[in-house]
Amino acid sequence: MTNQSAQSLKHFRELPSALKEREKIFQKLADKTPAIFLDYDGTLSPIAKHPEDAILTEEMRTALKKLAERCALSIVSGRDRADVANLVGLKELIYAGSHGFDITGPDNLHMQHEGGKIYLADLDAAEKELLSALENTPGAYVERKKFSIGIHYRNVSEEHLSFVKNAAQQGLQNYPNLKKGLGKKIIELKPDIEWDKGKAVFWLLKKLDIDRPGILPIYIGDDLTDEDAFRALADQGLGILVGDHGELTYAHYGLKDVTEVKRFLNEMINFLEESS
């Protein structure tokens, strides 16, 4: 399978609106069934100053529940899998946490990346060092997930920013089996192996036996880490970027914010209901 070339990369402002072009998108579903993959923060819930404050609205939860009744629906998040599952609170969904290293779902679906388990001791040690290094840095927040460590600096002042970034870099130097991941106001340390959201999406498509012509995978996300999924699905699915993450994107369409995501999901629900 080939991916989009670098020439196909676009700025967010160049992307057609998924809402305005929804009829064109739904035409692609005339003889197919969607498989929906969604990021959480910035996609289903607005980015919050503190991760625990990114609460899902009941309207969005209802939309997810209705959509899950009509197609495979997965939440693919950088959050810890148990954390995002608790925030969404719907047992019928599939949850891929830590960028797809940890996956659970209905019918006893379960996967923890075997390669990732090897690095748990390094993550444990790096977490302790980072907590110690940043405990007195105002606004800095070290978030441990099972298979990664997130260093949040959204609430860090400019004068302390370089210290936080240097601490993250020192962690990478101390633990060369870990690699850097970047997101919106976050630096992550995660296992240095070839696994990301895109590979997790393909794993799910195969595991669920929906990696076939009659399925249209649709991935909706807002962050740089979602580009792995956009790139992976460039030729066989649709990528929808929510807001501008400041870099070029492999996504096919754009949505402005979480409110537009909710509108788009409800439009899809109506389309699927009318088509059934």
C-alpha atoms as a PDB file:
ATOM      1  CA  MET A   1       0.000   0.000   0.000  1.00  0.00           C
ATOM      2  CA  THR A   2       1.322   3.428  -0.904  1.00  0.00           C
ATOM      3  CA  ASN A   3       0.744   6.596   1.025  1.00  0.00           C
ATOM      4  CA  GLN A   4       0.269  10.150  -0.103  1.00  0.00           C
ATOM      5  CA  SER A   5       3.445  11.742  -1.352  1.00  0.00           C
ATOM      6  CA  ALA A   6       4.968  14.741   0.352  1.00  0.00           C
ATOM      7  CA  GLN A   7       3.481  16.853  -2.455  1.00  0.00           C
ATOM      8  CA  SER A   8       0.006  15.928  -1.151  1.00  0.00           C
ATOM      9  CA  LEU A   9       0.621  17.469   2.247  1.00  0.00           C
ATOM     10  CA  LYS A  10      -1.497  20.534   2.914  1.00  0.00           C
ATOM     11  CA  HIS A  11      -1.946  23.296   5.421  1.00  0.00           C
ATOM     12  CA  PHE A  12      -5.136  23.166   7.483  1.00  0.00           C
ATOM     13  CA  ARG A  13      -6.431  26.282   5.730  1.00  0.00           C
ATOM     14  CA  GLU A  14      -6.256  24.425   2.402  1.00  0.00           C
ATOM     15  CA  LEU A  15      -8.451  21.552   3.519  1.00  0.00           C
ATOM     16  CA  PRO A  16     -12.088  21.460   2.391  1.00  0.00           C
ATOM     17  CA  SER A  17     -14.602  21.453   5.220  1.00  0.00           C
ATOM     18  CA  ALA A  18     -15.914  17.970   6.042  1.00  0.00           C
ATOM     19  CA  LEU A  19     -19.257  19.562   6.909  1.00  0.00           C
ATOM     20  CA  LYS A  20     -19.575  21.465   3.653  1.00  0.00           C
ATOM     21  CA  GLU A  21     -18.401  18.434   1.684  1.00  0.00           C
ATOM     22  CA  ARG A  22     -20.403  15.893   3.700  1.00  0.00           C
ATOM     23  CA  GLU A  23     -22.520  14.858   0.719  1.00  0.00           C
ATOM     24  CA  LYS A  24     -19.355  13.972  -1.191  1.00  0.00           C
ATOM     25  CA  ILE A  25     -18.126  11.993   1.817  1.00  0.00           C
ATOM     26  CA  PHE A  26     -21.445  10.214   2.193  1.00  0.00           C
ATOM     27  CA  GLN A  27     -21.394   9.315  -1.517  1.00  0.00           C
ATOM     28  CA  LYS A  28     -18.274   7.278  -0.758  1.00  0.00           C
ATOM     29  CA  LEU A  29     -20.383   5.408   1.796  1.00  0.00           C
ATOM     30  CA  ALA A  30     -23.134   4.555  -0.697  1.00  0.00           C
ATOM     31  CA  ASP A  31     -21.871   0.983  -0.990  1.00  0.00           C
ATOM     32  CA  LYS A  32     -19.607   0.879   2.057  1.00  0.00           C
ATOM     33  CA  THR A  33     -19.764   0.824   5.835  1.00  0.00           C
ATOM     34  CA  PRO A  34     -17.697   3.314   7.834  1.00  0.00           C
ATOM     35  CA  ALA A  35     -15.209   2.313  10.514  1.00  0.00           C
ATOM     36  CA  ILE A  36     -14.727   5.366  12.693  1.00  0.00           C
ATOM     37  CA  PHE A  37     -11.568   6.179  14.656  1.00  0.00           C
ATOM     38  CA  LEU A  38     -11.526   9.228  16.919  1.00  0.00           C
ATOM     39  CA  ASP A  39      -8.931  10.994  19.022  1.00  0.00           C
ATOM     40  CA  TYR A  40     -10.223  12.322  22.354  1.00  0.00           C
ATOM     41  CA  ASP A  41      -8.610  15.588  23.496  1.00  0.00           C
ATOM     42  CA  GLY A  42      -9.259  18.388  21.033  1.00  0.00           C
ATOM     43  CA  THR A  43     -11.567  16.160  18.996  1.00  0.00           C
ATOM     44  CA  LEU A  44     -14.342  14.910  21.282  1.00  0.00           C
ATOM     45  CA  SER A  45     -13.609  17.332  24.118  1.00  0.00           C
ATOM     46  CA  PRO A  46     -11.928  20.752  23.984  1.00  0.00           C
ATOM     47  CA  ILE A  47      -8.325  20.955  25.141  1.00  0.00           C
ATOM     48  CA  ALA A  48      -8.330  21.779  28.859  1.00  0.00           C
ATOM     49  CA  LYS A  49      -5.706  23.471  31.040  1.00  0.00           C
ATOM     50  CA  HIS A  50      -5.624  20.291  33.104  1.00  0.00           C
ATOM     51  CA  PRO A  51      -6.154  16.856  31.444  1.00  0.00           C
ATOM     52  CA  GLU A  52      -8.689  15.756  34.061  1.00  0.00           C
ATOM     53  CA  ASP A  53     -10.931  18.693  33.090  1.00  0.00           C
ATOM     54  CA  ALA A  54     -11.440  17.503  29.494  1.00  0.00           C
ATOM     55  CA  ILE A  55     -14.965  16.233  30.112  1.00  0.00           C
ATOM     56  CA  LEU A  56     -17.178  14.721  27.412  1.00  0.00           C
ATOM     57  CA  THR A  57     -20.594  16.366  27.018  1.00  0.00           C
ATOM     58  CA  GLU A  58     -23.718  14.228  27.183  1.00  0.00           C
ATOM     59  CA  GLU A  59     -24.570  15.322  23.644  1.00  0.00           C
ATOM     60  CA  MET A  60     -21.267  13.984  22.349  1.00  0.00           C
ATOM     61  CA  ARG A  61     -21.618  10.780  24.380  1.00  0.00           C
ATOM     62  CA  THR A  62     -25.081  10.221  22.886  1.00  0.00           C
ATOM     63  CA  ALA A  63     -23.705  10.728  19.374  1.00  0.00           C
ATOM     64  CA  LEU A  64     -20.934   8.191  20.006  1.00  0.00           C
ATOM     65  CA  LYS A  65     -23.403   5.655  21.392  1.00  0.00           C
ATOM     66  CA  LYS A  66     -25.716   6.005  18.377  1.00  0.00           C
ATOM     67  CA  LEU A  67     -22.822   5.763  15.942  1.00  0.00           C
ATOM     68  CA  ALA A  68     -21.427   2.666  17.678  1.00  0.00           C
ATOM     69  CA  GLU A  69     -24.771   0.951  17.061  1.00  0.00           C
ATOM     70  CA  ARG A  70     -24.205   1.324  13.319  1.00  0.00           C
ATOM     71  CA  CYS A  71     -20.477   0.771  12.774  1.00  0.00           C
ATOM     72  CA  ALA A  72     -17.195  -0.084  14.447  1.00  0.00           C
ATOM     73  CA  LEU A  73     -16.150   2.871  16.603  1.00  0.00           C
ATOM     74  CA  SER A  74     -12.759   3.238  18.264  1.00  0.00           C
ATOM     75  CA  ILE A  75     -11.226   5.934  20.451  1.00  0.00           C
ATOM     76  CA  VAL A  76      -7.487   6.189  19.691  1.00  0.00           C
ATOM     77  CA  SER A  77      -5.845   8.406  22.272  1.00  0.00           C
ATOM     78  CA  GLY A  78      -2.502   9.310  23.739  1.00  0.00           C
ATOM     79  CA  ARG A  79      -4.168   9.063  27.141  1.00  0.00           C
ATOM     80  CA  ASP A  80      -3.900   5.973  29.272  1.00  0.00           C
ATOM     81  CA  ARG A  81      -6.453   3.474  28.016  1.00  0.00           C
ATOM     82  CA  ALA A  82      -8.300   3.178  31.348  1.00  0.00           C
ATOM     83  CA  ASP A  83      -8.389   6.971  31.662  1.00  0.00           C
ATOM     84  CA  VAL A  84     -10.001   7.617  28.283  1.00  0.00           C
ATOM     85  CA  ALA A  85     -12.413   4.680  28.721  1.00  0.00           C
ATOM     86  CA  ASN A  86     -13.532   6.178  32.032  1.00  0.00           C
ATOM     87  CA  LEU A  87     -13.987   9.635  30.484  1.00  0.00           C
ATOM     88  CA  VAL A  88     -16.132   8.306  27.619  1.00  0.00           C
ATOM     89  CA  GLY A  89     -18.002   5.737  29.698  1.00  0.00           C
ATOM     90  CA  LEU A  90     -19.394   3.580  26.883  1.00  0.00           C
ATOM     91  CA  LYS A  91     -18.675  -0.153  27.097  1.00  0.00           C
ATOM     92  CA  GLU A  92     -19.627  -0.777  23.466  1.00  0.00           C
ATOM     93  CA  LEU A  93     -16.667   1.244  22.130  1.00  0.00           C
ATOM     94  CA  ILE A  94     -13.087   0.119  21.466  1.00  0.00           C
ATOM     95  CA  TYR A  95     -10.399   2.007  23.369  1.00  0.00           C
ATOM     96  CA  ALA A  96      -6.803   2.260  22.147  1.00  0.00           C
ATOM     97  CA  GLY A  97      -4.757   4.098  24.778  1.00  0.00           C
ATOM     98  CA  SER A  98      -1.118   5.202  24.882  1.00  0.00           C
ATOM     99  CA  HIS A  99      -1.198   5.785  21.113  1.00  0.00           C
ATOM    100  CA  GLY A 100      -2.383   2.222  20.506  1.00  0.00           C
ATOM    101  CA  PHE A 101      -0.049   0.294  22.798  1.00  0.00           C
ATOM    102  CA  ASP A 102      -2.986  -0.775  25.000  1.00  0.00           C
ATOM    103  CA  ILE A 103      -6.311  -1.794  23.405  1.00  0.00           C
ATOM    104  CA  THR A 104      -9.558  -3.214  24.791  1.00  0.00           C
ATOM    105  CA  GLY A 105     -13.070  -3.582  23.453  1.00  0.00           C
ATOM    106  CA  PRO A 106     -16.229  -5.696  23.369  1.00  0.00           C
ATOM    107  CA  ASP A 107     -16.101  -9.479  22.923  1.00  0.00           C
ATOM    108  CA  ASN A 108     -12.934  -9.776  25.032  1.00  0.00           C
ATOM    109  CA  LEU A 109     -10.843  -7.701  22.633  1.00  0.00           C
ATOM    110  CA  HIS A 110      -7.525  -7.126  24.366  1.00  0.00           C
ATOM    111  CA  MET A 111      -3.991  -6.256  23.298  1.00  0.00           C
ATOM    112  CA  GLN A 112      -0.968  -4.848  25.082  1.00  0.00           C
ATOM    113  CA  HIS A 113       1.938  -4.405  22.715  1.00  0.00           C
ATOM    114  CA  GLU A 114       4.509  -7.054  23.608  1.00  0.00           C
ATOM    115  CA  GLY A 115       7.393  -4.839  22.533  1.00  0.00           C
ATOM    116  CA  GLY A 116       6.124  -2.016  24.718  1.00  0.00           C
ATOM    117  CA  LYS A 117       6.141  -4.205  27.834  1.00  0.00           C
ATOM    118  CA  ILE A 118       9.925  -4.526  27.595  1.00  0.00           C
ATOM    119  CA  TYR A 119      10.304  -0.791  28.280  1.00  0.00           C
ATOM    120  CA  LEU A 120       8.081  -0.526  31.356  1.00  0.00           C
ATOM    121  CA  ALA A 121      11.073  -0.516  33.730  1.00  0.00           C
ATOM    122  CA  ASP A 122      12.688   2.341  31.792  1.00  0.00           C
ATOM    123  CA  LEU A 123       9.422   4.272  31.894  1.00  0.00           C
ATOM    124  CA  ASP A 124       9.122   3.696  35.640  1.00  0.00           C
ATOM    125  CA  ALA A 125      12.641   5.010  36.250  1.00  0.00           C
ATOM    126  CA  ALA A 126      12.270   7.968  33.875  1.00  0.00           C
ATOM    127  CA  GLU A 127       8.992   8.929  35.529  1.00  0.00           C
ATOM    128  CA  LYS A 128      10.640   9.109  38.967  1.00  0.00           C
ATOM    129  CA  GLU A 129      13.469  11.266  37.641  1.00  0.00           C
ATOM    130  CA  LEU A 130      11.110  13.633  35.829  1.00  0.00           C
ATOM    131  CA  LEU A 131       8.820  13.997  38.839  1.00  0.00           C
ATOM    132  CA  SER A 132      11.844  14.888  40.948  1.00  0.00           C
ATOM    133  CA  ALA A 133      13.300  17.285  38.368  1.00  0.00           C
ATOM    134  CA  LEU A 134      10.040  19.165  37.777  1.00  0.00           C
ATOM    135  CA  GLU A 135       8.346  19.043  41.184  1.00  0.00           C
ATOM    136  CA  ASN A 136       9.142  22.703  41.862  1.00  0.00           C
ATOM    137  CA  THR A 137       8.482  24.000  38.335  1.00  0.00           C
ATOM    138  CA  PRO A 138       5.228  26.019  38.316  1.00  0.00           C
ATOM    139  CA  GLY A 139       2.666  24.663  35.862  1.00  0.00           C
ATOM    140  CA  ALA A 140       4.642  21.579  34.831  1.00  0.00           C
ATOM    141  CA  TYR A 141       2.725  18.301  34.992  1.00  0.00           C
ATOM    142  CA  VAL A 142       4.194  14.830  34.521  1.00  0.00           C
ATOM    143  CA  GLU A 143       1.480  12.373  33.462  1.00  0.00           C
ATOM    144  CA  ARG A 144       2.329   8.675  33.543  1.00  0.00           C
ATOM    145  CA  LYS A 145       0.448   6.404  31.199  1.00  0.00           C
ATOM    146  CA  LYS A 146       1.134   2.687  31.088  1.00  0.00           C
ATOM    147  CA  PHE A 147       3.284   2.893  27.963  1.00  0.00           C
ATOM    148  CA  SER A 148       4.409   6.524  27.918  1.00  0.00           C
ATOM    149  CA  ILE A 149       5.121   9.620  29.989  1.00  0.00           C
ATOM    150  CA  GLY A 150       3.551  12.949  29.104  1.00  0.00           C
ATOM    151  CA  ILE A 151       5.273  16.175  30.164  1.00  0.00           C
ATOM    152  CA  HIS A 152       2.647  18.912  29.930  1.00  0.00           C
ATOM    153  CA  TYR A 153       3.821  22.510  29.678  1.00  0.00           C
ATOM    154  CA  ARG A 154       0.612  24.324  28.690  1.00  0.00           C
ATOM    155  CA  ASN A 155       0.577  26.108  32.044  1.00  0.00           C
ATOM    156  CA  VAL A 156       4.340  26.746  32.233  1.00  0.00           C
ATOM    157  CA  SER A 157       5.533  30.343  31.891  1.00  0.00           C
ATOM    158  CA  GLU A 158       8.039  31.294  29.221  1.00  0.00           C
ATOM    159  CA  GLU A 159      10.811  31.714  31.801  1.00  0.00           C
ATOM    160  CA  HIS A 160      10.517  28.078  32.905  1.00  0.00           C
ATOM    161  CA  LEU A 161       9.845  26.527  29.499  1.00  0.00           C
ATOM    162  CA  SER A 162      13.455  25.796  28.594  1.00  0.00           C
ATOM    163  CA  PHE A 163      13.977  24.057  31.941  1.00  0.00           C
ATOM    164  CA  VAL A 164      11.036  21.729  31.243  1.00  0.00           C
ATOM    165  CA  LYS A 165      12.258  20.920  27.749  1.00  0.00           C
ATOM    166  CA  ASN A 166      15.769  20.302  29.033  1.00  0.00           C
ATOM    167  CA  ALA A 167      14.408  17.905  31.654  1.00  0.00           C
ATOM    168  CA  ALA A 168      12.607  15.970  28.930  1.00  0.00           C
ATOM    169  CA  GLN A 169      15.775  15.874  26.845  1.00  0.00           C
ATOM    170  CA  GLN A 170      17.775  14.648  29.829  1.00  0.00           C
ATOM    171  CA  GLY A 171      15.262  11.849  30.287  1.00  0.00           C
ATOM    172  CA  LEU A 172      15.767  10.791  26.687  1.00  0.00           C
ATOM    173  CA  GLN A 173      19.537  10.829  27.138  1.00  0.00           C
ATOM    174  CA  ASN A 174      19.327   8.767  30.327  1.00  0.00           C
ATOM    175  CA  TYR A 175      17.024   6.211  28.727  1.00  0.00           C
ATOM    176  CA  PRO A 176      18.015   5.728  25.073  1.00  0.00           C
ATOM    177  CA  ASN A 177      15.387   3.003  24.651  1.00  0.00           C
ATOM    178  CA  LEU A 178      12.776   5.752  24.821  1.00  0.00           C
ATOM    179  CA  LYS A 179      11.982   8.242  22.063  1.00  0.00           C
ATOM    180  CA  LYS A 180      10.407  11.674  21.933  1.00  0.00           C
ATOM    181  CA  GLY A 181       6.853  12.315  20.833  1.00  0.00           C
ATOM    182  CA  LEU A 182       5.401  15.787  20.312  1.00  0.00           C
ATOM    183  CA  GLY A 183       1.869  17.054  20.676  1.00  0.00           C
ATOM    184  CA  LYS A 184       0.010  20.219  21.625  1.00  0.00           C
ATOM    185  CA  LYS A 185       1.929  21.637  24.601  1.00  0.00           C
ATOM    186  CA  ILE A 186       3.217  18.198  25.532  1.00  0.00           C
ATOM    187  CA  ILE A 187       6.439  16.227  25.153  1.00  0.00           C
ATOM    188  CA  GLU A 188       6.184  12.471  25.467  1.00  0.00           C
ATOM    189  CA  LEU A 189       8.685   9.748  26.236  1.00  0.00           C
ATOM    190  CA  LYS A 190       7.633   6.413  24.792  1.00  0.00           C
ATOM    191  CA  PRO A 191       9.184   3.101  23.708  1.00  0.00           C
ATOM    192  CA  ASP A 192      11.506   3.480  20.742  1.00  0.00           C
ATOM    193  CA  ILE A 193       9.751   0.939  18.576  1.00  0.00           C
ATOM    194  CA  GLU A 194       7.792   1.141  15.335  1.00  0.00           C
ATOM    195  CA  TRP A 195       4.292   1.531  16.707  1.00  0.00           C
ATOM    196  CA  ASP A 196       1.915   4.481  16.479  1.00  0.00           C
ATOM    197  CA  LYS A 197      -1.726   5.393  15.983  1.00  0.00           C
ATOM    198  CA  GLY A 198      -1.620   4.453  12.309  1.00  0.00           C
ATOM    199  CA  LYS A 199      -0.290   0.969  13.011  1.00  0.00           C
ATOM    200  CA  ALA A 200      -2.851   0.564  15.789  1.00  0.00           C
ATOM    201  CA  VAL A 201      -5.648   1.446  13.350  1.00  0.00           C
ATOM    202  CA  PHE A 202      -4.440  -1.186  10.886  1.00  0.00           C
ATOM    203  CA  TRP A 203      -4.182  -3.729  13.710  1.00  0.00           C
ATOM    204  CA  LEU A 204      -7.803  -3.030  14.608  1.00  0.00           C
ATOM    205  CA  LEU A 205      -9.000  -3.246  11.015  1.00  0.00           C
ATOM    206  CA  LYS A 206      -7.438  -6.694  10.675  1.00  0.00           C
ATOM    207  CA  LYS A 207      -8.437  -7.905  14.137  1.00  0.00           C
ATOM    208  CA  LEU A 208     -12.061  -6.886  13.577  1.00  0.00           C
ATOM    209  CA  ASP A 209     -11.992  -8.415  10.072  1.00  0.00           C
ATOM    210  CA  ILE A 210     -12.974  -5.112   8.474  1.00  0.00           C
ATOM    211  CA  ASP A 211      -9.814  -4.553   6.423  1.00  0.00           C
ATOM    212  CA  ARG A 212     -11.668  -5.060   3.144  1.00  0.00           C
ATOM    213  CA  PRO A 213     -13.117  -3.070   0.212  1.00  0.00           C
ATOM    214  CA  GLY A 214     -16.596  -2.768   1.737  1.00  0.00           C
ATOM    215  CA  ILE A 215     -15.281  -0.728   4.662  1.00  0.00           C
ATOM    216  CA  LEU A 216     -14.302   2.953   4.604  1.00  0.00           C
ATOM    217  CA  PRO A 217     -12.033   3.834   7.549  1.00  0.00           C
ATOM    218  CA  ILE A 218     -12.480   7.419   8.748  1.00  0.00           C
ATOM    219  CA  TYR A 219     -10.052   8.903  11.240  1.00  0.00           C
ATOM    220  CA  ILE A 220     -10.762  12.196  13.009  1.00  0.00           C
ATOM    221  CA  GLY A 221      -8.092  13.864  15.151  1.00  0.00           C
ATOM    222  CA  ASP A 222      -6.490  17.188  15.992  1.00  0.00           C
ATOM    223  CA  ASP A 223      -2.890  16.540  17.022  1.00  0.00           C
ATOM    224  CA  LEU A 224       0.474  15.837  15.432  1.00  0.00           C
ATOM    225  CA  THR A 225       0.285  12.250  16.692  1.00  0.00           C
ATOM    226  CA  ASP A 226      -2.834  11.777  14.556  1.00  0.00           C
ATOM    227  CA  GLU A 227      -0.759  12.374  11.438  1.00  0.00           C
ATOM    228  CA  ASP A 228       0.489   8.776  11.708  1.00  0.00           C
ATOM    229  CA  ALA A 229      -3.089   7.618  11.212  1.00  0.00           C
ATOM    230  CA  PHE A 230      -3.847  10.162   8.475  1.00  0.00           C
ATOM    231  CA  ARG A 231      -0.755   9.017   6.599  1.00  0.00           C
ATOM    232  CA  ALA A 232      -1.580   5.329   7.055  1.00  0.00           C
ATOM    233  CA  LEU A 233      -5.116   5.779   5.716  1.00  0.00           C
ATOM    234  CA  ALA A 234      -4.222   8.232   2.966  1.00  0.00           C
ATOM    235  CA  ASP A 235      -5.089   5.843   0.147  1.00  0.00           C
ATOM    236  CA  GLN A 236      -7.804   3.623   1.585  1.00  0.00           C
ATOM    237  CA  GLY A 237      -9.652   5.883   3.994  1.00  0.00           C
ATOM    238  CA  LEU A 238     -10.429   9.461   4.970  1.00  0.00           C
ATOM    239  CA  GLY A 239      -8.572  11.689   7.423  1.00  0.00           C
ATOM    240  CA  ILE A 240     -10.260  14.691   9.029  1.00  0.00           C
ATOM    241  CA  LEU A 241      -8.113  17.201  10.927  1.00  0.00           C
ATOM    242  CA  VAL A 242      -9.780  19.182  13.724  1.00  0.00           C
ATOM    243  CA  GLY A 243      -8.270  22.648  13.960  1.00  0.00           C
ATOM    244  CA  ASP A 244      -4.790  23.732  12.936  1.00  0.00           C
ATOM    245  CA  HIS A 245      -1.902  21.975  14.689  1.00  0.00           C
ATOM    246  CA  GLY A 246       0.567  24.250  12.913  1.00  0.00           C
ATOM    247  CA  GLU A 247       2.190  21.706  10.598  1.00  0.00           C
ATOM    248  CA  LEU A 248       1.422  20.218   7.189  1.00  0.00           C
ATOM    249  CA  THR A 249      -1.143  17.416   7.241  1.00  0.00           C
ATOM    250  CA  TYR A 250      -2.025  14.222   5.397  1.00  0.00           C
ATOM    251  CA  ALA A 251      -5.719  14.746   6.204  1.00  0.00           C
ATOM    252  CA  HIS A 252      -8.244  15.020   3.366  1.00  0.00           C
ATOM    253  CA  TYR A 253     -10.757  17.298   5.129  1.00  0.00           C
ATOM    254  CA  GLY A 254     -10.909  19.714   8.046  1.00  0.00           C
ATOM    255  CA  LEU A 255     -13.271  20.634  10.877  1.00  0.00           C
ATOM    256  CA  LYS A 256     -12.817  23.794  12.928  1.00  0.00           C
ATOM    257  CA  ASP A 257     -13.431  22.483  16.436  1.00  0.00           C
ATOM    258  CA  VAL A 258     -15.199  19.999  18.710  1.00  0.00           C
ATOM    259  CA  THR A 259     -18.576  21.578  17.968  1.00  0.00           C
ATOM    260  CA  GLU A 260     -18.136  20.871  14.263  1.00  0.00           C
ATOM    261  CA  VAL A 261     -17.043  17.302  15.069  1.00  0.00           C
ATOM    262  CA  LYS A 262     -20.321  16.763  16.923  1.00  0.00           C
ATOM    263  CA  ARG A 263     -22.294  18.198  14.003  1.00  0.00           C
ATOM    264  CA  PHE A 264     -20.438  15.976  11.543  1.00  0.00           C
ATOM    265  CA  LEU A 265     -20.993  12.834  13.624  1.00  0.00           C
ATOM    266  CA  ASN A 266     -24.707  13.606  13.939  1.00  0.00           C
ATOM    267  CA  GLU A 267     -24.942  14.192  10.184  1.00  0.00           C
ATOM    268  CA  MET A 268     -23.330  10.786   9.653  1.00  0.00           C
ATOM    269  CA  ILE A 269     -25.756   9.156  12.080  1.00  0.00           C
ATOM    270  CA  ASN A 270     -28.691  10.648  10.135  1.00  0.00           C
ATOM    271  CA  PHE A 271     -27.196   9.438   6.861  1.00  0.00           C
ATOM    272  CA  LEU A 272     -26.688   5.897   8.167  1.00  0.00           C
ATOM    273  CA  GLU A 273     -30.192   5.798   9.604  1.00  0.00           C
ATOM    274  CA  GLU A 274     -31.732   6.926   6.321  1.00  0.00           C
ATOM    275  CA  SER A 275     -29.607   4.434   4.367  1.00  0.00           C
ATOM    276  CA  SER A 276     -30.523   1.418   6.494  1.00  0.00           C
END
